[in-house]
Amino acid sequence: MRTLAAATTETVGEPAVNITIFLLFVAVTLAIVIRAARNNRTAADYYAAGRAFSGRQNGIAISGDYLSAASFLGIAGAIAINGYDGFLYSIGFLVAWLVALLLVAELLRNTGRFTMADVLSFRLRQGPVRTAAAISTLAVSFFYLLAQMAGAGGLVNLLLGVKGTGAQDLTIAVVGILMIFYVLVGGMKGTTWVQIVKAILLIIGAALMTVWVLGKVGLNLSELLGNAAAGTPKGQALLEPGLAYGATTTTKIGFISLALALVLGTAGLPHVLMRFYTVPSSKEARRSVVWAIWVIGLFYLFTLVLGYGAAWLVGPEKILAAPGKANSAAPLLAYELGGTLLLGVIAAVAFATILAVVAGLTITASASFAHDVYSNVIKKGQVRADDEVRVARITAVVIGIVAIIGGIYAKNQNVAFLVGLAFAVAASANLPTILYSLFWKRFNTQGALWSIYGGLISSVVLIAFSPTVSGKVDAKTGASLSMITDTSIDFHWFPLENPAIVSVPLAFLLGWLGTVLSREVADASKYAEMEVRALTGAGAEKAVDH
């Protein structure tokens, strides 16, 4: 077995080779973005890529947007460290697409224009609902960006041999600056092409590593699992449920809460929902989801082999000793299998994954503020498209700066876990309101506001006062496992690490309660129009680019 440099020198392979492959990939993607930017002339071009992508292209792009650092880096690491319990993320992320397909994908495409708020405000009061939806979008995007930036920092540090907190923080800043450039120049069109290229490379890279790992055990999955269990201190427990979430009643409830967030969160993720507006028709929107499910499902099957392969060939101790900790499992496995060259290629793919996702998140958040708050609330719809896009670009810069600062604080967290928090916020603040808007005739503005703000505030507050932020300590080493690394600081009172089991039902309850307590009478004709358009697509194509 190859001796891993990471355990001792905090770098893997040859930094010169790693950075060369890195720079090559960045150059290629920048060329794609700049070329795509030539056709960005209108708001529809910038926000929705001119609605010029086919269902197949958009489906691959959706998978590129969805298969984030959490999928490639975080899940592989979670399985390598926690085995069966880590595979929960793969199952949850995949099953979530069924909810998105059956409940929201086509309906949103038929009803909206650029953002989630277009749907939520269709039959409600524009100003307060758009503002609430924009705030929710920014919050979800922030938590998701934390995960990507944390993954980027650990990955670059591992490959380039960066040591010291200051140097690691600098690498996160560089990634953030590059992300801002992608969005400012390429818009949704450039971002979509980067996501398509990244999704193809990710599937090829993951498939190559999967076949390579299985080849070492004669394509025998049972033997791989047995070797992984035998080669780690946790032994057979690595193959059984409960290693991470079965020790106490609290962790078992936490398991249910996390599962709820993963399964319901996708249908409320603004950057995924926005992708349905880049296709020309509802039929292509359906095709997008079908393609996305196939690509995403195939990839999540690979993660099982990659995670247990890393547990067997690398070992949990060396993974946790590397920069990025569990997030380094996949790159370390690549180095173990194919040395410096394979490591460089896989790392470039992982870096592509991060860049594509953060670009998609940033453009979604900036579009939400510019289109929903600036254009429709502040300017009451009386604004030129050029001005709206300019505000979106300014917002993208601000979001990028905030993401860099947050990523620095979250750099030691498992990225799959951080994405679980974003899913919890999305499932709490967005999904109840979307479902009520689409399917409940009586739903009104007060119900929407109570649901959005109630779900958002409850989920964020519970996260802030959970072990995720402070007070979680490794029982063996005494080291902090929270975002605040100072173990003397502990202000958590909510026992669960993921709040979904409380915040999601609360948001549904508040949406109902706000509606029935309000004297506002819902507009029956607008609901009828929305229902017909959502279910049949009638009038949608004419309205989307008015």
Protein backbone atom coordinates (compact mmCIF):
# COMPACT_ATOMS: atom_id res chain seq x y z
CA MET A 1 0.00 0.00 0.00
CA ARG A 2 1.26 3.47 -0.95
CA THR A 3 2.51 5.56 1.96
CA LEU A 4 0.29 8.60 2.13
CA ALA A 5 2.10 11.87 2.49
CA ALA A 6 -0.93 13.53 3.94
CA ALA A 7 -0.54 12.05 7.37
CA THR A 8 2.85 13.61 7.86
CA THR A 9 3.42 16.50 5.48
CA GLU A 10 -0.14 17.70 4.95
CA THR A 11 0.21 17.36 1.19
CA VAL A 12 -0.39 14.57 -1.28
CA GLY A 13 1.46 13.92 -4.52
CA GLU A 14 3.46 16.63 -6.30
CA PRO A 15 2.12 20.16 -5.74
CA ALA A 16 3.60 21.28 -9.08
CA VAL A 17 1.64 18.62 -10.99
CA ASN A 18 -1.50 19.32 -8.96
CA ILE A 19 -1.41 23.06 -9.58
CA THR A 20 -0.67 22.58 -13.30
CA ILE A 21 -3.78 20.43 -13.76
CA PHE A 22 -5.71 22.91 -11.63
CA LEU A 23 -4.67 25.89 -13.74
CA LEU A 24 -5.39 23.99 -16.95
CA PHE A 25 -8.92 23.30 -15.85
CA VAL A 26 -9.49 26.87 -14.68
CA ALA A 27 -8.25 28.16 -18.05
CA VAL A 28 -10.64 25.87 -19.95
CA THR A 29 -13.66 26.81 -17.86
CA LEU A 30 -12.83 30.51 -18.07
CA ALA A 31 -12.71 30.19 -21.85
CA ILE A 32 -16.16 28.54 -21.79
CA VAL A 33 -17.57 31.29 -19.58
CA ILE A 34 -16.11 34.12 -21.67
CA ARG A 35 -17.38 32.58 -24.90
CA ALA A 36 -20.87 32.08 -23.46
CA ALA A 37 -20.91 35.68 -22.20
CA ARG A 38 -20.94 37.04 -25.75
CA ASN A 39 -24.65 36.28 -26.04
CA ASN A 40 -25.71 37.76 -22.67
CA ARG A 41 -27.84 40.68 -23.93
CA THR A 42 -31.06 40.53 -21.89
CA ALA A 43 -32.22 39.69 -18.38
CA ALA A 44 -33.52 36.35 -19.71
CA ASP A 45 -30.02 35.62 -21.06
CA TYR A 46 -28.36 36.44 -17.74
CA TYR A 47 -30.89 34.74 -15.42
CA ALA A 48 -32.24 31.88 -17.55
CA ALA A 49 -29.61 31.38 -20.27
CA GLY A 50 -32.09 32.60 -22.86
CA ARG A 51 -34.17 29.45 -22.25
CA ALA A 52 -32.04 27.86 -24.97
CA PHE A 53 -31.06 24.53 -23.35
CA SER A 54 -32.69 21.21 -24.16
CA GLY A 55 -34.08 18.90 -21.51
CA ARG A 56 -31.07 16.60 -21.79
CA GLN A 57 -28.57 19.46 -21.52
CA ASN A 58 -30.44 21.01 -18.62
CA GLY A 59 -30.78 17.64 -16.86
CA ILE A 60 -27.02 17.13 -17.02
CA ALA A 61 -26.53 20.72 -15.84
CA ILE A 62 -28.96 20.13 -12.96
CA SER A 63 -26.95 17.10 -11.91
CA GLY A 64 -23.83 19.25 -12.18
CA ASP A 65 -25.48 21.83 -9.96
CA TYR A 66 -26.80 19.24 -7.50
CA LEU A 67 -23.75 16.97 -7.22
CA SER A 68 -21.82 19.40 -5.10
CA ALA A 69 -18.75 19.09 -2.91
CA ALA A 70 -21.08 17.44 -0.41
CA SER A 71 -21.67 14.59 -2.85
CA PHE A 72 -18.14 13.97 -4.04
CA LEU A 73 -16.07 14.96 -1.02
CA GLY A 74 -18.47 14.93 1.91
CA ILE A 75 -20.37 11.69 1.27
CA ALA A 76 -17.25 9.68 0.45
CA GLY A 77 -15.74 10.93 3.69
CA ALA A 78 -18.92 10.29 5.69
CA ILE A 79 -19.06 6.66 4.48
CA ALA A 80 -15.35 6.15 5.10
CA ILE A 81 -15.69 7.37 8.69
CA ASN A 82 -19.24 6.32 9.64
CA GLY A 83 -20.00 3.56 7.11
CA TYR A 84 -23.69 2.73 6.76
CA ASP A 85 -24.81 5.94 8.47
CA GLY A 86 -22.77 7.99 6.00
CA PHE A 87 -24.62 6.36 3.09
CA LEU A 88 -27.79 8.02 4.42
CA TYR A 89 -26.74 11.16 2.56
CA SER A 90 -26.67 9.34 -0.78
CA ILE A 91 -30.09 7.80 -0.20
CA GLY A 92 -31.63 11.05 1.05
CA PHE A 93 -30.26 13.20 -1.77
CA LEU A 94 -31.50 10.74 -4.41
CA VAL A 95 -34.98 10.10 -2.97
CA ALA A 96 -35.41 13.86 -2.68
CA TRP A 97 -35.55 14.08 -6.47
CA LEU A 98 -38.78 12.10 -6.51
CA VAL A 99 -40.37 14.82 -4.40
CA ALA A 100 -39.03 17.50 -6.73
CA LEU A 101 -40.25 15.62 -9.82
CA LEU A 102 -43.73 14.78 -8.56
CA LEU A 103 -44.60 17.99 -6.74
CA VAL A 104 -42.79 21.06 -8.06
CA ALA A 105 -40.64 20.78 -11.22
CA GLU A 106 -43.16 21.16 -14.02
CA LEU A 107 -45.58 23.28 -11.99
CA LEU A 108 -42.90 25.85 -11.20
CA ARG A 109 -41.70 25.99 -14.79
CA ASN A 110 -45.24 26.66 -16.04
CA THR A 111 -45.99 29.33 -13.46
CA GLY A 112 -42.76 31.30 -12.93
CA ARG A 113 -40.43 33.46 -14.89
CA PHE A 114 -36.97 33.68 -13.31
CA THR A 115 -37.15 32.92 -9.57
CA MET A 116 -39.07 30.99 -6.94
CA ALA A 117 -40.75 34.22 -5.81
CA ASP A 118 -42.46 34.53 -9.20
CA VAL A 119 -44.53 31.50 -8.22
CA LEU A 120 -45.10 32.41 -4.58
CA SER A 121 -46.31 35.91 -5.46
CA PHE A 122 -48.43 34.89 -8.46
CA ARG A 123 -51.73 35.26 -6.60
CA LEU A 124 -50.55 37.03 -3.43
CA ARG A 125 -49.35 40.55 -2.61
CA GLN A 126 -46.15 41.12 -4.56
CA GLY A 127 -44.07 43.27 -2.21
CA PRO A 128 -44.04 41.38 1.09
CA VAL A 129 -44.03 37.91 -0.50
CA ARG A 130 -41.18 38.67 -2.92
CA THR A 131 -39.14 40.22 -0.11
CA ALA A 132 -39.67 37.20 2.14
CA ALA A 133 -38.81 34.78 -0.69
CA ALA A 134 -35.64 36.73 -1.51
CA ILE A 135 -34.51 36.69 2.12
CA SER A 136 -35.14 32.95 2.28
CA THR A 137 -33.22 32.39 -0.96
CA LEU A 138 -30.24 34.34 0.35
CA ALA A 139 -30.24 32.35 3.61
CA VAL A 140 -30.37 28.96 1.89
CA SER A 141 -27.69 30.02 -0.58
CA PHE A 142 -25.45 31.17 2.26
CA PHE A 143 -25.58 27.83 4.09
CA TYR A 144 -24.99 25.95 0.84
CA LEU A 145 -22.08 28.22 -0.05
CA LEU A 146 -20.52 27.51 3.36
CA ALA A 147 -20.29 23.85 2.41
CA GLN A 148 -18.73 24.49 -0.99
CA MET A 149 -16.18 26.96 0.32
CA ALA A 150 -15.21 24.59 3.13
CA GLY A 151 -14.70 21.81 0.60
CA ALA A 152 -12.67 24.07 -1.67
CA GLY A 153 -10.40 25.17 1.15
CA GLY A 154 -9.62 21.65 2.33
CA LEU A 155 -9.07 20.37 -1.21
CA VAL A 156 -6.68 23.11 -2.29
CA ASN A 157 -4.78 22.94 0.99
CA LEU A 158 -4.36 19.18 0.61
CA LEU A 159 -3.10 19.38 -2.97
CA LEU A 160 -0.81 22.36 -2.71
CA GLY A 161 0.67 21.58 0.69
CA VAL A 162 -0.68 24.79 2.21
CA LYS A 163 0.01 24.97 5.94
CA GLY A 164 -1.16 27.37 8.62
CA THR A 165 -4.56 28.87 9.20
CA GLY A 166 -3.77 32.11 7.36
CA ALA A 167 -2.66 30.34 4.21
CA GLN A 168 -5.72 28.08 4.23
CA ASP A 169 -7.98 31.11 4.60
CA LEU A 170 -6.25 32.70 1.62
CA THR A 171 -7.04 29.71 -0.59
CA ILE A 172 -10.73 30.00 0.30
CA ALA A 173 -10.61 33.68 -0.65
CA VAL A 174 -9.04 32.86 -4.03
CA VAL A 175 -11.79 30.33 -4.76
CA GLY A 176 -14.40 32.94 -3.85
CA ILE A 177 -12.88 35.54 -6.16
CA LEU A 178 -12.81 33.06 -9.03
CA MET A 179 -16.45 32.20 -8.36
CA ILE A 180 -17.45 35.88 -8.50
CA PHE A 181 -15.71 36.26 -11.86
CA TYR A 182 -17.59 33.30 -13.34
CA VAL A 183 -20.94 34.80 -12.38
CA LEU A 184 -20.16 38.39 -13.37
CA VAL A 185 -18.94 37.40 -16.82
CA GLY A 186 -20.85 34.28 -17.80
CA GLY A 187 -24.25 34.64 -16.19
CA MET A 188 -26.52 31.59 -16.24
CA LYS A 189 -25.44 30.56 -19.74
CA GLY A 190 -21.74 30.35 -18.87
CA THR A 191 -22.56 28.72 -15.53
CA THR A 192 -24.73 26.09 -17.24
CA TRP A 193 -22.02 25.06 -19.67
CA VAL A 194 -19.50 24.77 -16.82
CA GLN A 195 -22.01 22.60 -14.95
CA ILE A 196 -22.51 20.33 -17.98
CA VAL A 197 -18.75 19.84 -18.44
CA LYS A 198 -18.29 19.31 -14.73
CA ALA A 199 -21.10 16.72 -14.49
CA ILE A 200 -19.61 14.66 -17.34
CA LEU A 201 -16.12 14.80 -15.83
CA LEU A 202 -17.46 13.92 -12.38
CA ILE A 203 -19.31 10.83 -13.61
CA ILE A 204 -16.29 9.66 -15.63
CA GLY A 205 -13.91 10.26 -12.72
CA ALA A 206 -16.14 8.57 -10.14
CA ALA A 207 -16.78 5.62 -12.49
CA LEU A 208 -13.04 5.18 -13.09
CA MET A 209 -12.28 5.12 -9.37
CA THR A 210 -15.23 2.80 -8.67
CA VAL A 211 -14.12 0.23 -11.24
CA TRP A 212 -10.52 0.53 -10.04
CA VAL A 213 -11.48 -0.12 -6.41
CA LEU A 214 -13.75 -3.04 -7.31
CA GLY A 215 -11.01 -4.42 -9.56
CA LYS A 216 -8.81 -4.84 -6.50
CA VAL A 217 -11.36 -7.27 -5.03
CA GLY A 218 -12.33 -9.08 -8.23
CA LEU A 219 -15.50 -6.96 -8.65
CA ASN A 220 -16.79 -8.47 -5.40
CA LEU A 221 -18.66 -5.83 -3.40
CA SER A 222 -19.00 -8.12 -0.37
CA GLU A 223 -15.25 -8.57 -0.21
CA LEU A 224 -14.77 -4.81 -0.40
CA LEU A 225 -17.13 -4.27 2.52
CA GLY A 226 -15.41 -6.99 4.52
CA ASN A 227 -11.96 -5.50 3.85
CA ALA A 228 -13.20 -2.06 4.88
CA ALA A 229 -14.57 -3.39 8.16
CA ALA A 230 -11.46 -5.43 8.89
CA GLY A 231 -9.10 -2.55 8.17
CA THR A 232 -10.64 0.02 10.52
CA PRO A 233 -10.81 0.21 14.34
CA LYS A 234 -14.63 0.30 14.19
CA GLY A 235 -14.72 -3.14 12.60
CA GLN A 236 -18.11 -4.67 11.79
CA ALA A 237 -19.89 -1.58 13.13
CA LEU A 238 -18.85 0.18 9.91
CA LEU A 239 -21.34 -2.01 8.04
CA GLU A 240 -24.24 -1.63 10.46
CA PRO A 241 -26.65 1.25 11.16
CA GLY A 242 -26.17 3.33 14.28
CA LEU A 243 -22.45 4.12 14.21
CA ALA A 244 -23.02 7.87 13.95
CA TYR A 245 -26.69 8.18 14.86
CA GLY A 246 -27.53 5.21 17.08
CA ALA A 247 -25.70 5.80 20.34
CA THR A 248 -28.40 7.73 22.20
CA THR A 249 -32.05 8.69 21.84
CA THR A 250 -30.93 12.18 20.86
CA THR A 251 -28.78 10.94 17.98
CA LYS A 252 -31.57 8.65 16.79
CA ILE A 253 -33.98 11.59 16.67
CA GLY A 254 -31.22 13.56 14.96
CA PHE A 255 -31.06 10.84 12.31
CA ILE A 256 -34.77 11.27 11.58
CA SER A 257 -34.36 15.04 11.48
CA LEU A 258 -31.48 14.82 9.00
CA ALA A 259 -33.39 12.36 6.81
CA LEU A 260 -36.39 14.70 6.76
CA ALA A 261 -34.18 17.62 5.70
CA LEU A 262 -32.49 15.65 2.92
CA VAL A 263 -35.69 14.23 1.42
CA LEU A 264 -37.73 17.45 1.53
CA GLY A 265 -34.95 19.99 1.01
CA THR A 266 -34.31 19.54 -2.72
CA ALA A 267 -37.81 20.70 -3.71
CA GLY A 268 -37.13 23.95 -1.85
CA LEU A 269 -33.60 24.70 -3.07
CA PRO A 270 -33.73 27.99 -5.02
CA HIS A 271 -30.69 27.27 -7.20
CA VAL A 272 -32.14 23.91 -8.30
CA LEU A 273 -35.62 25.36 -8.89
CA MET A 274 -34.15 28.19 -10.98
CA ARG A 275 -32.65 25.67 -13.38
CA PHE A 276 -36.12 24.73 -14.63
CA TYR A 277 -36.45 28.20 -16.17
CA THR A 278 -33.54 27.60 -18.59
CA VAL A 279 -35.60 25.28 -20.85
CA PRO A 280 -38.13 26.46 -23.45
CA SER A 281 -41.13 24.37 -22.36
CA SER A 282 -42.67 22.31 -19.57
CA LYS A 283 -42.02 19.14 -21.57
CA GLU A 284 -38.30 19.91 -21.54
CA ALA A 285 -38.54 20.62 -17.81
CA ARG A 286 -39.85 17.07 -17.28
CA ARG A 287 -37.08 15.66 -19.47
CA SER A 288 -34.58 17.63 -17.39
CA VAL A 289 -35.61 15.90 -14.19
CA VAL A 290 -35.56 12.43 -15.78
CA TRP A 291 -32.03 12.97 -17.06
CA ALA A 292 -30.97 14.43 -13.72
CA ILE A 293 -32.33 11.43 -11.79
CA TRP A 294 -30.42 8.96 -13.98
CA VAL A 295 -27.13 10.83 -13.71
CA ILE A 296 -27.49 11.55 -9.99
CA GLY A 297 -28.64 8.00 -9.18
CA LEU A 298 -25.67 6.50 -11.00
CA PHE A 299 -23.26 8.74 -9.16
CA TYR A 300 -24.68 7.95 -5.72
CA LEU A 301 -24.17 4.24 -6.39
CA PHE A 302 -20.51 5.05 -6.98
CA THR A 303 -20.22 6.82 -3.61
CA LEU A 304 -20.82 3.56 -1.74
CA VAL A 305 -17.75 2.01 -3.36
CA LEU A 306 -15.67 5.18 -3.02
CA GLY A 307 -16.46 5.59 0.67
CA TYR A 308 -15.77 2.00 1.69
CA GLY A 309 -12.80 1.94 -0.68
CA ALA A 310 -11.30 4.91 1.16
CA ALA A 311 -11.96 3.24 4.52
CA TRP A 312 -10.10 0.13 3.32
CA LEU A 313 -7.22 1.54 1.25
CA VAL A 314 -6.60 4.81 3.11
CA GLY A 315 -8.01 4.38 6.60
CA PRO A 316 -10.01 6.76 8.83
CA GLU A 317 -6.93 7.89 10.79
CA LYS A 318 -5.08 9.22 7.74
CA ILE A 319 -8.25 10.78 6.36
CA LEU A 320 -8.94 12.68 9.58
CA ALA A 321 -5.28 13.77 9.81
CA ALA A 322 -5.38 15.47 6.39
CA PRO A 323 -6.46 19.06 5.71
CA GLY A 324 -10.21 19.09 5.26
CA LYS A 325 -10.47 15.92 7.39
CA ALA A 326 -13.31 13.70 6.07
CA ASN A 327 -13.58 15.85 2.95
CA SER A 328 -10.14 14.56 1.87
CA ALA A 329 -11.22 10.90 1.56
CA ALA A 330 -11.86 10.91 -2.21
CA PRO A 331 -8.61 12.72 -3.17
CA LEU A 332 -6.59 10.46 -0.85
CA LEU A 333 -8.22 7.40 -2.42
CA ALA A 334 -7.35 8.71 -5.88
CA TYR A 335 -3.71 9.08 -4.83
CA GLU A 336 -3.71 5.59 -3.37
CA LEU A 337 -5.07 4.12 -6.60
CA GLY A 338 -3.25 6.00 -9.33
CA GLY A 339 -0.64 8.23 -7.77
CA THR A 340 0.00 11.87 -8.54
CA LEU A 341 -1.60 11.98 -12.00
CA LEU A 342 -4.95 10.45 -10.98
CA LEU A 343 -4.97 12.62 -7.87
CA GLY A 344 -4.50 15.73 -9.97
CA VAL A 345 -7.30 14.76 -12.37
CA ILE A 346 -9.76 13.82 -9.61
CA ALA A 347 -8.90 16.94 -7.66
CA ALA A 348 -9.51 19.07 -10.75
CA VAL A 349 -12.91 17.37 -11.12
CA ALA A 350 -13.68 18.08 -7.46
CA PHE A 351 -12.60 21.68 -7.92
CA ALA A 352 -14.84 21.89 -10.99
CA THR A 353 -17.67 20.55 -8.87
CA ILE A 354 -17.20 23.32 -6.33
CA LEU A 355 -16.85 26.11 -8.89
CA ALA A 356 -19.94 25.04 -10.83
CA VAL A 357 -22.11 24.81 -7.72
CA VAL A 358 -20.98 28.05 -6.10
CA ALA A 359 -21.49 29.88 -9.40
CA GLY A 360 -25.03 28.50 -9.63
CA LEU A 361 -25.75 29.45 -6.04
CA THR A 362 -24.37 32.94 -6.43
CA ILE A 363 -26.30 33.73 -9.59
CA THR A 364 -29.51 32.44 -7.98
CA ALA A 365 -29.09 34.54 -4.87
CA SER A 366 -28.12 37.66 -6.81
CA ALA A 367 -31.00 37.18 -9.27
CA SER A 368 -33.44 36.82 -6.40
CA PHE A 369 -32.40 40.12 -4.86
CA ALA A 370 -32.22 42.03 -8.15
CA HIS A 371 -35.39 40.61 -9.73
CA ASP A 372 -37.59 40.23 -6.66
CA VAL A 373 -36.50 43.01 -4.30
CA TYR A 374 -34.92 45.69 -6.49
CA SER A 375 -37.03 45.38 -9.63
CA ASN A 376 -40.43 44.34 -8.29
CA VAL A 377 -40.48 45.78 -4.76
CA ILE A 378 -38.27 48.86 -4.78
CA LYS A 379 -38.84 49.93 -8.40
CA LYS A 380 -42.40 48.49 -8.65
CA GLY A 381 -41.50 46.80 -11.95
CA GLN A 382 -40.47 50.11 -13.55
CA VAL A 383 -36.83 49.28 -14.27
CA ARG A 384 -34.74 48.62 -17.35
CA ALA A 385 -33.36 45.10 -17.82
CA ASP A 386 -29.79 46.45 -17.94
CA ASP A 387 -30.19 48.11 -14.54
CA GLU A 388 -31.64 44.94 -13.04
CA VAL A 389 -28.73 42.84 -14.31
CA ARG A 390 -26.26 45.46 -13.02
CA VAL A 391 -27.77 45.20 -9.53
CA ALA A 392 -27.58 41.39 -9.78
CA ARG A 393 -23.88 41.60 -10.53
CA ILE A 394 -23.23 43.95 -7.61
CA THR A 395 -25.17 41.58 -5.36
CA ALA A 396 -23.05 38.66 -6.60
CA VAL A 397 -19.91 40.44 -5.41
CA VAL A 398 -21.40 41.04 -1.95
CA ILE A 399 -22.57 37.43 -1.70
CA GLY A 400 -19.13 36.21 -2.73
CA ILE A 401 -17.45 38.24 0.02
CA VAL A 402 -19.89 36.94 2.65
CA ALA A 403 -19.34 33.36 1.42
CA ILE A 404 -15.58 33.74 1.75
CA ILE A 405 -15.87 34.93 5.36
CA GLY A 406 -18.33 32.14 6.24
CA GLY A 407 -16.21 29.51 4.50
CA ILE A 408 -13.20 30.46 6.58
CA TYR A 409 -15.13 29.72 9.78
CA ALA A 410 -16.62 26.48 8.45
CA LYS A 411 -13.50 25.03 6.81
CA ASN A 412 -13.18 22.07 9.20
CA GLN A 413 -16.80 20.90 8.96
CA ASN A 414 -17.89 17.93 6.82
CA VAL A 415 -19.39 19.47 3.70
CA ALA A 416 -22.17 16.88 3.44
CA PHE A 417 -23.24 17.84 6.96
CA LEU A 418 -23.20 21.55 6.12
CA VAL A 419 -25.34 20.91 3.04
CA GLY A 420 -27.76 19.06 5.32
CA LEU A 421 -28.23 22.35 7.16
CA ALA A 422 -28.97 24.17 3.90
CA PHE A 423 -31.52 21.49 3.06
CA ALA A 424 -33.15 21.97 6.46
CA VAL A 425 -33.53 25.71 5.88
CA ALA A 426 -34.89 25.12 2.35
CA ALA A 427 -37.35 22.47 3.54
CA SER A 428 -38.53 24.74 6.35
CA ALA A 429 -38.71 28.16 4.71
CA ASN A 430 -39.53 27.33 1.07
CA LEU A 431 -41.22 23.98 0.58
CA PRO A 432 -44.34 24.53 2.76
CA THR A 433 -45.04 27.87 1.06
CA ILE A 434 -44.50 26.42 -2.43
CA LEU A 435 -46.88 23.53 -1.79
CA TYR A 436 -49.53 25.74 -0.18
CA SER A 437 -49.29 28.21 -3.08
CA LEU A 438 -49.68 25.51 -5.71
CA PHE A 439 -52.31 23.32 -4.07
CA TRP A 440 -54.33 25.25 -1.43
CA LYS A 441 -56.99 27.56 -2.84
CA ARG A 442 -57.52 29.48 0.39
CA PHE A 443 -53.81 30.21 1.00
CA ASN A 444 -53.14 33.94 1.34
CA THR A 445 -50.38 36.48 1.89
CA GLN A 446 -50.33 36.26 5.69
CA GLY A 447 -50.06 32.49 5.51
CA ALA A 448 -47.13 32.79 3.09
CA LEU A 449 -45.28 35.27 5.30
CA TRP A 450 -45.85 33.26 8.48
CA SER A 451 -44.69 30.11 6.72
CA ILE A 452 -41.55 31.61 5.13
CA TYR A 453 -40.39 33.69 8.09
CA GLY A 454 -41.46 31.09 10.65
CA GLY A 455 -39.61 28.28 8.89
CA LEU A 456 -36.58 30.44 8.19
CA ILE A 457 -36.24 31.96 11.66
CA SER A 458 -36.89 28.71 13.51
CA SER A 459 -34.39 26.72 11.44
CA VAL A 460 -31.64 29.36 11.60
CA VAL A 461 -32.10 29.99 15.32
CA LEU A 462 -32.06 26.26 16.12
CA ILE A 463 -28.90 25.84 14.04
CA ALA A 464 -27.24 28.81 15.80
CA PHE A 465 -27.93 27.28 19.22
CA SER A 466 -27.11 23.69 18.25
CA PRO A 467 -23.93 21.63 18.70
CA THR A 468 -23.13 22.48 15.08
CA VAL A 469 -22.03 25.98 16.10
CA SER A 470 -20.72 25.46 19.64
CA GLY A 471 -20.28 22.91 22.38
CA LYS A 472 -19.60 19.70 20.44
CA VAL A 473 -16.40 18.06 21.67
CA ASP A 474 -14.61 14.89 20.61
CA ALA A 475 -14.85 12.54 23.61
CA LYS A 476 -11.41 11.03 22.95
CA THR A 477 -9.28 14.03 21.98
CA GLY A 478 -11.19 16.86 23.63
CA ALA A 479 -11.02 18.82 20.37
CA SER A 480 -13.95 20.94 19.23
CA LEU A 481 -16.14 19.51 16.47
CA SER A 482 -18.21 22.69 16.14
CA MET A 483 -17.75 25.73 13.92
CA ILE A 484 -16.48 27.65 16.95
CA THR A 485 -13.28 25.81 17.74
CA ASP A 486 -12.78 27.33 21.21
CA THR A 487 -14.09 24.61 23.54
CA SER A 488 -14.61 27.13 26.35
CA ILE A 489 -17.39 28.77 24.30
CA ASP A 490 -20.62 26.80 24.53
CA PHE A 491 -24.03 28.43 24.17
CA HIS A 492 -25.97 25.59 22.59
CA TRP A 493 -29.28 24.51 24.12
CA PHE A 494 -30.91 22.72 21.18
CA PRO A 495 -29.65 19.12 21.32
CA LEU A 496 -30.02 18.14 17.62
CA GLU A 497 -27.49 19.05 14.96
CA ASN A 498 -30.18 19.37 12.26
CA PRO A 499 -33.42 21.25 13.08
CA ALA A 500 -35.73 19.88 10.35
CA ILE A 501 -37.82 17.67 12.62
CA VAL A 502 -38.96 20.81 14.47
CA SER A 503 -38.78 23.59 11.87
CA VAL A 504 -40.48 21.84 8.91
CA PRO A 505 -43.72 20.87 10.75
CA LEU A 506 -43.69 24.29 12.42
CA ALA A 507 -43.54 26.04 9.02
CA PHE A 508 -46.47 23.99 7.70
CA LEU A 509 -48.43 24.77 10.88
CA LEU A 510 -47.68 28.50 10.68
CA GLY A 511 -48.67 28.63 7.01
CA TRP A 512 -52.04 27.11 7.86
CA LEU A 513 -52.51 29.18 11.02
CA GLY A 514 -51.59 32.47 9.35
CA THR A 515 -54.07 31.78 6.57
CA VAL A 516 -57.07 30.85 8.74
CA LEU A 517 -56.47 33.79 11.13
CA SER A 518 -56.26 36.32 8.31
CA ARG A 519 -59.27 38.26 7.06
CA GLU A 520 -57.76 38.44 3.60
CA VAL A 521 -59.83 36.60 1.01
CA ALA A 522 -57.79 34.70 -1.57
CA ASP A 523 -58.35 35.66 -5.20
CA ALA A 524 -60.22 32.65 -6.61
CA SER A 525 -59.77 33.73 -10.22
CA LYS A 526 -55.99 34.07 -9.84
CA TYR A 527 -55.83 30.65 -8.21
CA ALA A 528 -57.83 29.16 -11.08
CA GLU A 529 -55.50 30.80 -13.58
CA MET A 530 -52.46 29.53 -11.68
CA GLU A 531 -53.87 26.01 -11.42
CA VAL A 532 -54.64 25.79 -15.14
CA ARG A 533 -51.26 27.18 -16.10
CA ALA A 534 -49.36 24.97 -13.64
CA LEU A 535 -51.09 21.75 -14.65
CA THR A 536 -51.46 22.29 -18.39
CA GLY A 537 -48.85 24.87 -19.32
CA ALA A 538 -51.54 26.96 -21.04
CA GLY A 539 -50.39 30.57 -21.20
CA ALA A 540 -47.06 29.83 -19.57
CA GLU A 541 -44.91 30.13 -22.69
CA LYS A 542 -46.46 33.49 -23.54
CA ALA A 543 -46.06 34.87 -20.03
CA VAL A 544 -42.58 33.87 -19.01
CA ASP A 545 -40.75 36.55 -20.96
CA HIS A 546 -43.27 39.35 -20.95
